[in-house]
Amino acid sequence: MVSGYSRRRAILGHDQAGVHRELAAIIKDWPTPVWCLHCDNGSEFISVNLISFCQKNNLTFTRSRPYKKNDNAHVEQKNLQYVREIVGYERYDTPEAVEWLNQVYACLDPYANLFLPMRKVIAKERCRSHVYKKFDIARTPFQRLVETDSMTLRARLTHQNQLKTGNPLELHRQLEKLLHKGSSSLQEAIGP
């Protein structure tokens, strides 16, 4: 991933129609032209329906090879940072929980893509048993996309407007409120 730009949506269960609906919504709002869909080997993804979805949307479809866990690193590279460390490992399997997750993601995605800089490894050098990494200058995913000059005009204007009018501290506070609300709701559901 060149820019580090990422989006998340939660669905209830492994419903292929739900997966296709959310994929279509993400593709519609993606800031660059989408040309490929790469997924893991989950049953919610691997289907004739997804292949026809890709053909209908003029997307190349690729998937991770079975039993090659290193392939999934590209598919799931943001899961730890932007899913597990934010909402944890609990199972969210009610419509209310999925709605809450999507509220969290609606706040988290602009916060991460517009305001959180990241560094990328540009070189590695091994010296005996230690690997030394050299990083580039930290930039946000949005800044990286602007540098590639691959964004659609509509997406660039939308993101620039969000950047001008957005308040990272307010987004962070909103995210914290949502997470607190979700953790207290989860504790109530589990009980003492």
C-alpha atoms as a PDB file:
ATOM      1  CA  MET A   1       0.000   0.000   0.000  1.00  0.00           C
ATOM      2  CA  VAL A   2       1.702   3.161  -1.187  1.00  0.00           C
ATOM      3  CA  SER A   3      -0.283   5.705   0.805  1.00  0.00           C
ATOM      4  CA  GLY A   4      -1.456   3.834   3.903  1.00  0.00           C
ATOM      5  CA  TYR A   5      -5.008   5.062   3.262  1.00  0.00           C
ATOM      6  CA  SER A   6      -7.545   2.631   4.696  1.00  0.00           C
ATOM      7  CA  ARG A   7     -11.272   2.297   5.384  1.00  0.00           C
ATOM      8  CA  ARG A   8     -13.288  -0.050   7.544  1.00  0.00           C
ATOM      9  CA  ARG A   9     -16.922  -1.207   7.653  1.00  0.00           C
ATOM     10  CA  ALA A  10     -18.517  -3.809   9.896  1.00  0.00           C
ATOM     11  CA  ILE A  11     -21.227  -6.231   8.831  1.00  0.00           C
ATOM     12  CA  LEU A  12     -23.268  -8.715  10.780  1.00  0.00           C
ATOM     13  CA  GLY A  13     -22.208 -12.292  10.027  1.00  0.00           C
ATOM     14  CA  HIS A  14     -20.717 -13.593   6.802  1.00  0.00           C
ATOM     15  CA  ASP A  15     -23.550 -12.496   4.547  1.00  0.00           C
ATOM     16  CA  GLN A  16     -22.209 -12.083   1.014  1.00  0.00           C
ATOM     17  CA  ALA A  17     -24.878  -9.504   0.147  1.00  0.00           C
ATOM     18  CA  GLY A  18     -23.730  -7.425   3.122  1.00  0.00           C
ATOM     19  CA  VAL A  19     -20.086  -7.765   2.088  1.00  0.00           C
ATOM     20  CA  HIS A  20     -20.914  -6.674  -1.466  1.00  0.00           C
ATOM     21  CA  ARG A  21     -23.001  -3.716  -0.232  1.00  0.00           C
ATOM     22  CA  GLU A  22     -20.199  -2.449   2.016  1.00  0.00           C
ATOM     23  CA  LEU A  23     -17.532  -3.058  -0.642  1.00  0.00           C
ATOM     24  CA  ALA A  24     -19.567  -1.042  -3.131  1.00  0.00           C
ATOM     25  CA  ALA A  25     -19.878   1.801  -0.598  1.00  0.00           C
ATOM     26  CA  ILE A  26     -16.133   1.780   0.124  1.00  0.00           C
ATOM     27  CA  ILE A  27     -15.235   1.679  -3.585  1.00  0.00           C
ATOM     28  CA  LYS A  28     -17.632   4.546  -4.310  1.00  0.00           C
ATOM     29  CA  ASP A  29     -15.945   6.735  -1.680  1.00  0.00           C
ATOM     30  CA  TRP A  30     -12.352   5.583  -2.299  1.00  0.00           C
ATOM     31  CA  PRO A  31     -10.186   8.614  -3.188  1.00  0.00           C
ATOM     32  CA  THR A  32      -8.428   6.998  -6.148  1.00  0.00           C
ATOM     33  CA  PRO A  33      -9.712   4.877  -9.008  1.00  0.00           C
ATOM     34  CA  VAL A  34      -9.978   1.288  -7.742  1.00  0.00           C
ATOM     35  CA  TRP A  35      -8.600  -1.330 -10.124  1.00  0.00           C
ATOM     36  CA  CYS A  36      -8.109  -4.414  -7.930  1.00  0.00           C
ATOM     37  CA  LEU A  37      -9.676  -6.236  -5.012  1.00  0.00           C
ATOM     38  CA  HIS A  38      -7.403  -8.510  -2.996  1.00  0.00           C
ATOM     39  CA  CYS A  39      -8.909 -10.556  -0.173  1.00  0.00           C
ATOM     40  CA  ASP A  40      -8.132 -13.380   2.185  1.00  0.00           C
ATOM     41  CA  ASN A  41      -9.669 -16.832   1.838  1.00  0.00           C
ATOM     42  CA  GLY A  42     -12.717 -16.232   4.036  1.00  0.00           C
ATOM     43  CA  SER A  43     -15.977 -17.786   2.865  1.00  0.00           C
ATOM     44  CA  GLU A  44     -17.606 -14.353   2.879  1.00  0.00           C
ATOM     45  CA  PHE A  45     -15.199 -13.307   0.120  1.00  0.00           C
ATOM     46  CA  ILE A  46     -14.460 -16.334  -2.020  1.00  0.00           C
ATOM     47  CA  SER A  47     -17.554 -16.843  -4.139  1.00  0.00           C
ATOM     48  CA  VAL A  48     -18.870 -16.707  -7.668  1.00  0.00           C
ATOM     49  CA  ASN A  49     -20.879 -13.665  -6.555  1.00  0.00           C
ATOM     50  CA  LEU A  50     -17.731 -11.734  -5.618  1.00  0.00           C
ATOM     51  CA  ILE A  51     -16.101 -12.590  -8.937  1.00  0.00           C
ATOM     52  CA  SER A  52     -19.174 -11.287 -10.778  1.00  0.00           C
ATOM     53  CA  PHE A  53     -19.138  -8.217  -8.485  1.00  0.00           C
ATOM     54  CA  CYS A  54     -15.534  -7.555  -9.551  1.00  0.00           C
ATOM     55  CA  GLN A  55     -16.346  -8.085 -13.223  1.00  0.00           C
ATOM     56  CA  LYS A  56     -19.346  -5.754 -12.982  1.00  0.00           C
ATOM     57  CA  ASN A  57     -17.154  -3.071 -11.346  1.00  0.00           C
ATOM     58  CA  ASN A  58     -14.212  -3.677 -13.716  1.00  0.00           C
ATOM     59  CA  LEU A  59     -11.929  -4.861 -10.909  1.00  0.00           C
ATOM     60  CA  THR A  60      -9.165  -7.429 -11.023  1.00  0.00           C
ATOM     61  CA  PHE A  61      -9.765 -10.043  -8.339  1.00  0.00           C
ATOM     62  CA  THR A  62      -6.836 -11.627  -6.490  1.00  0.00           C
ATOM     63  CA  ARG A  63      -6.688 -13.550  -3.255  1.00  0.00           C
ATOM     64  CA  SER A  64      -4.218 -14.884  -0.755  1.00  0.00           C
ATOM     65  CA  ARG A  65      -2.949 -18.371  -1.434  1.00  0.00           C
ATOM     66  CA  PRO A  66      -4.331 -21.037   0.892  1.00  0.00           C
ATOM     67  CA  TYR A  67      -1.986 -21.946   3.751  1.00  0.00           C
ATOM     68  CA  LYS A  68       0.435 -19.111   2.915  1.00  0.00           C
ATOM     69  CA  LYS A  69      -0.010 -16.883   5.943  1.00  0.00           C
ATOM     70  CA  ASN A  70       2.469 -14.265   4.709  1.00  0.00           C
ATOM     71  CA  ASP A  71       0.098 -13.380   1.858  1.00  0.00           C
ATOM     72  CA  ASN A  72      -2.460 -12.102   4.353  1.00  0.00           C
ATOM     73  CA  ALA A  73      -0.085  -9.482   5.713  1.00  0.00           C
ATOM     74  CA  HIS A  74      -1.065  -7.231   2.819  1.00  0.00           C
ATOM     75  CA  VAL A  75      -4.786  -7.807   3.316  1.00  0.00           C
ATOM     76  CA  GLU A  76      -4.778  -7.395   7.068  1.00  0.00           C
ATOM     77  CA  GLN A  77      -1.958  -4.915   7.604  1.00  0.00           C
ATOM     78  CA  LYS A  78      -4.120  -2.338   9.399  1.00  0.00           C
ATOM     79  CA  ASN A  79      -6.144  -4.805  11.500  1.00  0.00           C
ATOM     80  CA  LEU A  80      -3.905  -4.591  14.539  1.00  0.00           C
ATOM     81  CA  GLN A  81      -3.410  -0.831  14.541  1.00  0.00           C
ATOM     82  CA  TYR A  82      -6.891   0.316  13.566  1.00  0.00           C
ATOM     83  CA  VAL A  83      -9.159  -2.530  14.624  1.00  0.00           C
ATOM     84  CA  ARG A  84      -7.776  -4.707  17.422  1.00  0.00           C
ATOM     85  CA  GLU A  85      -6.025  -1.922  19.359  1.00  0.00           C
ATOM     86  CA  ILE A  86      -9.115   0.295  19.087  1.00  0.00           C
ATOM     87  CA  VAL A  87     -12.093  -2.049  19.608  1.00  0.00           C
ATOM     88  CA  GLY A  88     -10.370  -5.178  20.905  1.00  0.00           C
ATOM     89  CA  TYR A  89     -10.924  -8.836  20.175  1.00  0.00           C
ATOM     90  CA  GLU A  90     -14.523  -9.186  21.370  1.00  0.00           C
ATOM     91  CA  ARG A  91     -17.155 -10.692  19.137  1.00  0.00           C
ATOM     92  CA  TYR A  92     -19.621  -8.019  18.040  1.00  0.00           C
ATOM     93  CA  ASP A  93     -22.572 -10.054  16.844  1.00  0.00           C
ATOM     94  CA  THR A  94     -25.673  -7.958  17.390  1.00  0.00           C
ATOM     95  CA  PRO A  95     -27.132  -5.289  15.096  1.00  0.00           C
ATOM     96  CA  GLU A  96     -26.501  -2.686  17.822  1.00  0.00           C
ATOM     97  CA  ALA A  97     -22.841  -3.685  18.110  1.00  0.00           C
ATOM     98  CA  VAL A  98     -22.361  -3.517  14.338  1.00  0.00           C
ATOM     99  CA  GLU A  99     -24.000  -0.078  14.260  1.00  0.00           C
ATOM    100  CA  TRP A 100     -21.690   1.045  17.082  1.00  0.00           C
ATOM    101  CA  LEU A 101     -18.634  -0.338  15.243  1.00  0.00           C
ATOM    102  CA  ASN A 102     -19.578   1.565  12.092  1.00  0.00           C
ATOM    103  CA  GLN A 103     -19.939   4.759  14.150  1.00  0.00           C
ATOM    104  CA  VAL A 104     -16.445   4.157  15.546  1.00  0.00           C
ATOM    105  CA  TYR A 105     -15.064   3.538  12.052  1.00  0.00           C
ATOM    106  CA  ALA A 106     -16.817   6.649  10.671  1.00  0.00           C
ATOM    107  CA  CYS A 107     -14.897   8.680  13.244  1.00  0.00           C
ATOM    108  CA  LEU A 108     -11.639   6.695  13.120  1.00  0.00           C
ATOM    109  CA  ASP A 109     -11.181   6.643   9.340  1.00  0.00           C
ATOM    110  CA  PRO A 110     -10.983  10.421   8.758  1.00  0.00           C
ATOM    111  CA  TYR A 111      -8.909  10.809  11.934  1.00  0.00           C
ATOM    112  CA  ALA A 112      -6.364   8.205  10.782  1.00  0.00           C
ATOM    113  CA  ASN A 113      -6.306   9.167   7.096  1.00  0.00           C
ATOM    114  CA  LEU A 114      -6.170  12.946   7.526  1.00  0.00           C
ATOM    115  CA  PHE A 115      -4.382  13.585  10.816  1.00  0.00           C
ATOM    116  CA  LEU A 116      -2.195  10.643  11.867  1.00  0.00           C
ATOM    117  CA  PRO A 117       1.207  10.666  10.170  1.00  0.00           C
ATOM    118  CA  MET A 118       2.965   7.415   9.517  1.00  0.00           C
ATOM    119  CA  ARG A 119       6.460   6.447   8.478  1.00  0.00           C
ATOM    120  CA  LYS A 120       7.317   3.840   5.902  1.00  0.00           C
ATOM    121  CA  VAL A 121      10.419   1.678   5.800  1.00  0.00           C
ATOM    122  CA  ILE A 122      12.528   2.679   2.805  1.00  0.00           C
ATOM    123  CA  ALA A 123      15.614   0.568   3.497  1.00  0.00           C
ATOM    124  CA  LYS A 124      16.745  -2.322   5.678  1.00  0.00           C
ATOM    125  CA  GLU A 125      20.297  -3.284   6.498  1.00  0.00           C
ATOM    126  CA  ARG A 126      21.319  -6.378   8.404  1.00  0.00           C
ATOM    127  CA  CYS A 127      24.357  -6.200  10.626  1.00  0.00           C
ATOM    128  CA  ARG A 128      24.917  -9.634  12.172  1.00  0.00           C
ATOM    129  CA  SER A 129      21.708 -10.437  14.068  1.00  0.00           C
ATOM    130  CA  HIS A 130      20.267  -6.910  14.080  1.00  0.00           C
ATOM    131  CA  VAL A 131      18.232  -5.338  11.313  1.00  0.00           C
ATOM    132  CA  TYR A 132      18.516  -1.567  10.984  1.00  0.00           C
ATOM    133  CA  LYS A 133      15.613   0.171   9.286  1.00  0.00           C
ATOM    134  CA  LYS A 134      15.619   3.538   7.595  1.00  0.00           C
ATOM    135  CA  PHE A 135      12.301   5.402   7.472  1.00  0.00           C
ATOM    136  CA  ASP A 136      11.003   8.193   5.287  1.00  0.00           C
ATOM    137  CA  ILE A 137       9.543  11.446   6.601  1.00  0.00           C
ATOM    138  CA  ALA A 138       6.285  10.942   8.489  1.00  0.00           C
ATOM    139  CA  ARG A 139       3.244  11.987   6.457  1.00  0.00           C
ATOM    140  CA  THR A 140      -0.463  11.310   6.677  1.00  0.00           C
ATOM    141  CA  PRO A 141      -2.094   8.899   4.210  1.00  0.00           C
ATOM    142  CA  PHE A 142      -3.885  11.885   2.648  1.00  0.00           C
ATOM    143  CA  GLN A 143      -0.558  13.714   2.108  1.00  0.00           C
ATOM    144  CA  ARG A 144       0.891  10.574   0.523  1.00  0.00           C
ATOM    145  CA  LEU A 145      -2.096  10.312  -1.819  1.00  0.00           C
ATOM    146  CA  VAL A 146      -1.731  13.966  -2.836  1.00  0.00           C
ATOM    147  CA  GLU A 147       1.951  13.340  -3.623  1.00  0.00           C
ATOM    148  CA  THR A 148       1.067  10.426  -5.910  1.00  0.00           C
ATOM    149  CA  ASP A 149      -1.313  12.677  -7.869  1.00  0.00           C
ATOM    150  CA  SER A 150      -3.727   9.766  -8.230  1.00  0.00           C
ATOM    151  CA  MET A 151      -6.738  11.174  -6.382  1.00  0.00           C
ATOM    152  CA  THR A 152      -9.920  12.060  -8.189  1.00  0.00           C
ATOM    153  CA  LEU A 153     -10.712  15.773  -8.147  1.00  0.00           C
ATOM    154  CA  ARG A 154     -13.902  15.207  -6.140  1.00  0.00           C
ATOM    155  CA  ALA A 155     -12.030  13.170  -3.515  1.00  0.00           C
ATOM    156  CA  ARG A 156      -9.220  15.711  -3.273  1.00  0.00           C
ATOM    157  CA  LEU A 157     -11.649  18.588  -2.732  1.00  0.00           C
ATOM    158  CA  THR A 158     -13.687  16.597  -0.210  1.00  0.00           C
ATOM    159  CA  HIS A 159     -10.615  15.580   1.781  1.00  0.00           C
ATOM    160  CA  GLN A 160      -9.112  19.073   1.657  1.00  0.00           C
ATOM    161  CA  ASN A 161     -12.381  20.469   2.994  1.00  0.00           C
ATOM    162  CA  GLN A 162     -12.411  17.861   5.782  1.00  0.00           C
ATOM    163  CA  LEU A 163      -8.816  18.751   6.581  1.00  0.00           C
ATOM    164  CA  LYS A 164      -9.595  22.494   6.777  1.00  0.00           C
ATOM    165  CA  THR A 165     -12.782  22.165   8.791  1.00  0.00           C
ATOM    166  CA  GLY A 166     -11.870  19.067  10.782  1.00  0.00           C
ATOM    167  CA  ASN A 167     -10.537  19.236  14.284  1.00  0.00           C
ATOM    168  CA  PRO A 168      -8.292  16.287  15.176  1.00  0.00           C
ATOM    169  CA  LEU A 169      -8.765  16.850  18.904  1.00  0.00           C
ATOM    170  CA  GLU A 170     -12.557  16.861  18.544  1.00  0.00           C
ATOM    171  CA  LEU A 171     -12.428  13.708  16.400  1.00  0.00           C
ATOM    172  CA  HIS A 172     -10.273  12.042  19.050  1.00  0.00           C
ATOM    173  CA  ARG A 173     -12.687  13.075  21.820  1.00  0.00           C
ATOM    174  CA  GLN A 174     -15.637  11.788  19.795  1.00  0.00           C
ATOM    175  CA  LEU A 175     -13.805   8.505  19.226  1.00  0.00           C
ATOM    176  CA  GLU A 176     -13.042   8.197  22.954  1.00  0.00           C
ATOM    177  CA  LYS A 177     -16.724   8.819  23.799  1.00  0.00           C
ATOM    178  CA  LEU A 178     -17.846   6.150  21.362  1.00  0.00           C
ATOM    179  CA  LEU A 179     -15.306   3.663  22.722  1.00  0.00           C
ATOM    180  CA  HIS A 180     -16.361   4.377  26.311  1.00  0.00           C
ATOM    181  CA  LYS A 181     -20.025   3.990  25.356  1.00  0.00           C
ATOM    182  CA  GLY A 182     -19.248   0.682  23.650  1.00  0.00           C
ATOM    183  CA  SER A 183     -17.184  -0.730  26.518  1.00  0.00           C
ATOM    184  CA  SER A 184     -19.864   0.153  29.085  1.00  0.00           C
ATOM    185  CA  SER A 185     -22.577  -1.398  26.869  1.00  0.00           C
ATOM    186  CA  LEU A 186     -20.462  -4.530  26.526  1.00  0.00           C
ATOM    187  CA  GLN A 187     -19.996  -4.749  30.316  1.00  0.00           C
ATOM    188  CA  GLU A 188     -23.770  -4.426  30.801  1.00  0.00           C
ATOM    189  CA  ALA A 189     -24.392  -7.213  28.278  1.00  0.00           C
ATOM    190  CA  ILE A 190     -21.856  -9.528  29.955  1.00  0.00           C
ATOM    191  CA  GLY A 191     -23.010  -8.750  33.489  1.00  0.00           C
ATOM    192  CA  PRO A 192     -21.048  -8.844  36.775  1.00  0.00           C
END
